[in-house]
C-alpha atoms as a PDB file:
ATOM      1  CA  MET A   1     -39.710  27.490 -10.861  1.00  0.00           C
ATOM      2  CA  ALA A   2     -41.438  27.854  -7.503  1.00  0.00           C
ATOM      3  CA  ARG A   3     -39.312  27.845  -4.367  1.00  0.00           C
ATOM      4  CA  GLU A   4     -40.474  25.963  -1.307  1.00  0.00           C
ATOM      5  CA  THR A   5     -39.295  26.468   2.250  1.00  0.00           C
ATOM      6  CA  GLU A   6     -40.350  23.842   4.740  1.00  0.00           C
ATOM      7  CA  ILE A   7     -39.981  24.170   8.487  1.00  0.00           C
ATOM      8  CA  LYS A   8     -40.686  21.556  11.096  1.00  0.00           C
ATOM      9  CA  LEU A   9     -41.574  22.454  14.650  1.00  0.00           C
ATOM     10  CA  ARG A  10     -41.867  20.180  17.654  1.00  0.00           C
ATOM     11  CA  ILE A  11     -45.138  20.945  19.436  1.00  0.00           C
ATOM     12  CA  SER A  12     -45.123  19.669  22.988  1.00  0.00           C
ATOM     13  CA  ASP A  13     -48.616  20.944  23.887  1.00  0.00           C
ATOM     14  CA  VAL A  14     -50.890  20.004  20.977  1.00  0.00           C
ATOM     15  CA  PRO A  15     -54.160  21.050  22.690  1.00  0.00           C
ATOM     16  CA  GLY A  16     -52.556  24.397  23.589  1.00  0.00           C
ATOM     17  CA  PHE A  17     -51.395  24.813  20.006  1.00  0.00           C
ATOM     18  CA  HIS A  18     -54.940  24.182  18.747  1.00  0.00           C
ATOM     19  CA  ARG A  19     -56.267  26.767  21.219  1.00  0.00           C
ATOM     20  CA  ALA A  20     -53.696  29.304  19.995  1.00  0.00           C
ATOM     21  CA  LEU A  21     -54.719  28.705  16.373  1.00  0.00           C
ATOM     22  CA  LYS A  22     -58.363  29.180  17.294  1.00  0.00           C
ATOM     23  CA  ARG A  23     -57.543  32.342  19.256  1.00  0.00           C
ATOM     24  CA  ILE A  24     -55.920  33.992  16.216  1.00  0.00           C
ATOM     25  CA  GLY A  25     -58.721  32.856  13.908  1.00  0.00           C
ATOM     26  CA  ALA A  26     -56.600  30.429  11.861  1.00  0.00           C
ATOM     27  CA  ARG A  27     -58.506  28.278   9.378  1.00  0.00           C
ATOM     28  CA  LEU A  28     -57.628  25.551   6.896  1.00  0.00           C
ATOM     29  CA  ALA A  29     -56.412  27.124   3.665  1.00  0.00           C
ATOM     30  CA  GLY A  30     -56.377  25.970   0.083  1.00  0.00           C
ATOM     31  CA  PRO A  31     -58.891  24.113  -2.000  1.00  0.00           C
ATOM     32  CA  GLY A  32     -61.454  22.537   0.259  1.00  0.00           C
ATOM     33  CA  THR A  33     -61.163  22.193   3.995  1.00  0.00           C
ATOM     34  CA  SER A  34     -60.393  18.505   4.256  1.00  0.00           C
ATOM     35  CA  LYS A  35     -57.163  16.788   5.216  1.00  0.00           C
ATOM     36  CA  VAL A  36     -54.802  15.584   2.494  1.00  0.00           C
ATOM     37  CA  HIS A  37     -53.343  12.130   2.911  1.00  0.00           C
ATOM     38  CA  GLU A  38     -49.910  11.608   1.434  1.00  0.00           C
ATOM     39  CA  GLU A  39     -47.244   8.962   1.163  1.00  0.00           C
ATOM     40  CA  ASN A  40     -43.558   9.939   1.276  1.00  0.00           C
ATOM     41  CA  ILE A  41     -40.787   7.675   0.030  1.00  0.00           C
ATOM     42  CA  ILE A  42     -37.235   8.856   0.827  1.00  0.00           C
ATOM     43  CA  PHE A  43     -34.241   7.786  -1.262  1.00  0.00           C
ATOM     44  CA  ASP A  44     -30.498   7.937  -0.534  1.00  0.00           C
ATOM     45  CA  THR A  45     -27.408   5.960  -1.424  1.00  0.00           C
ATOM     46  CA  PRO A  46     -26.374   3.027   0.788  1.00  0.00           C
ATOM     47  CA  GLN A  47     -23.599   5.294   2.123  1.00  0.00           C
ATOM     48  CA  GLY A  48     -26.057   8.085   3.009  1.00  0.00           C
ATOM     49  CA  VAL A  49     -24.419  10.608   0.654  1.00  0.00           C
ATOM     50  CA  LEU A  50     -27.479  12.858   0.426  1.00  0.00           C
ATOM     51  CA  ALA A  51     -28.061  12.924   4.179  1.00  0.00           C
ATOM     52  CA  LYS A  52     -24.383  13.751   4.810  1.00  0.00           C
ATOM     53  CA  HIS A  53     -24.865  16.852   2.652  1.00  0.00           C
ATOM     54  CA  GLY A  54     -28.148  17.899   4.265  1.00  0.00           C
ATOM     55  CA  GLN A  55     -30.190  16.753   1.275  1.00  0.00           C
ATOM     56  CA  LEU A  56     -32.980  14.317   0.594  1.00  0.00           C
ATOM     57  CA  LEU A  57     -34.797  12.960  -2.406  1.00  0.00           C
ATOM     58  CA  ARG A  58     -38.456  12.366  -1.717  1.00  0.00           C
ATOM     59  CA  ILE A  59     -41.311  11.108  -3.840  1.00  0.00           C
ATOM     60  CA  ARG A  60     -44.563  12.364  -2.354  1.00  0.00           C
ATOM     61  CA  THR A  61     -47.859  10.907  -3.508  1.00  0.00           C
ATOM     62  CA  GLU A  62     -50.917  13.073  -2.919  1.00  0.00           C
ATOM     63  CA  MET A  63     -54.259  12.179  -4.367  1.00  0.00           C
ATOM     64  CA  PRO A  64     -54.809  12.665  -7.263  1.00  0.00           C
ATOM     65  CA  GLU A  65     -51.253  13.557  -8.398  1.00  0.00           C
ATOM     66  CA  VAL A  66     -47.656  12.494  -7.759  1.00  0.00           C
ATOM     67  CA  GLN A  67     -44.919  15.036  -7.014  1.00  0.00           C
ATOM     68  CA  GLY A  68     -41.165  14.477  -6.950  1.00  0.00           C
ATOM     69  CA  LYS A  69     -39.018  16.790  -4.843  1.00  0.00           C
ATOM     70  CA  SER A  70     -35.394  17.194  -3.941  1.00  0.00           C
ATOM     71  CA  LYS A  71     -34.601  19.247  -0.846  1.00  0.00           C
ATOM     72  CA  ARG A  72     -31.423  20.738   0.534  1.00  0.00           C
ATOM     73  CA  THR A  73     -31.033  22.142   4.026  1.00  0.00           C
ATOM     74  CA  GLY A  74     -28.874  25.099   4.943  1.00  0.00           C
END
């Protein structure tokens, strides 16, 4: 089974970030060079049990397929 690590970064200077990417020669990777639109639906119990344990259950829809993922932080 593949392992995924996701990081999220707050970028306060988006134009500067784009310039930095251009400066290092970064390009879109993967099949094609277009943007992928996705829909994320997050599930938890009414008591927030998953969130309290640093977890989430997400159903992500990307055209043309649907992926289900469970993530745990820490």
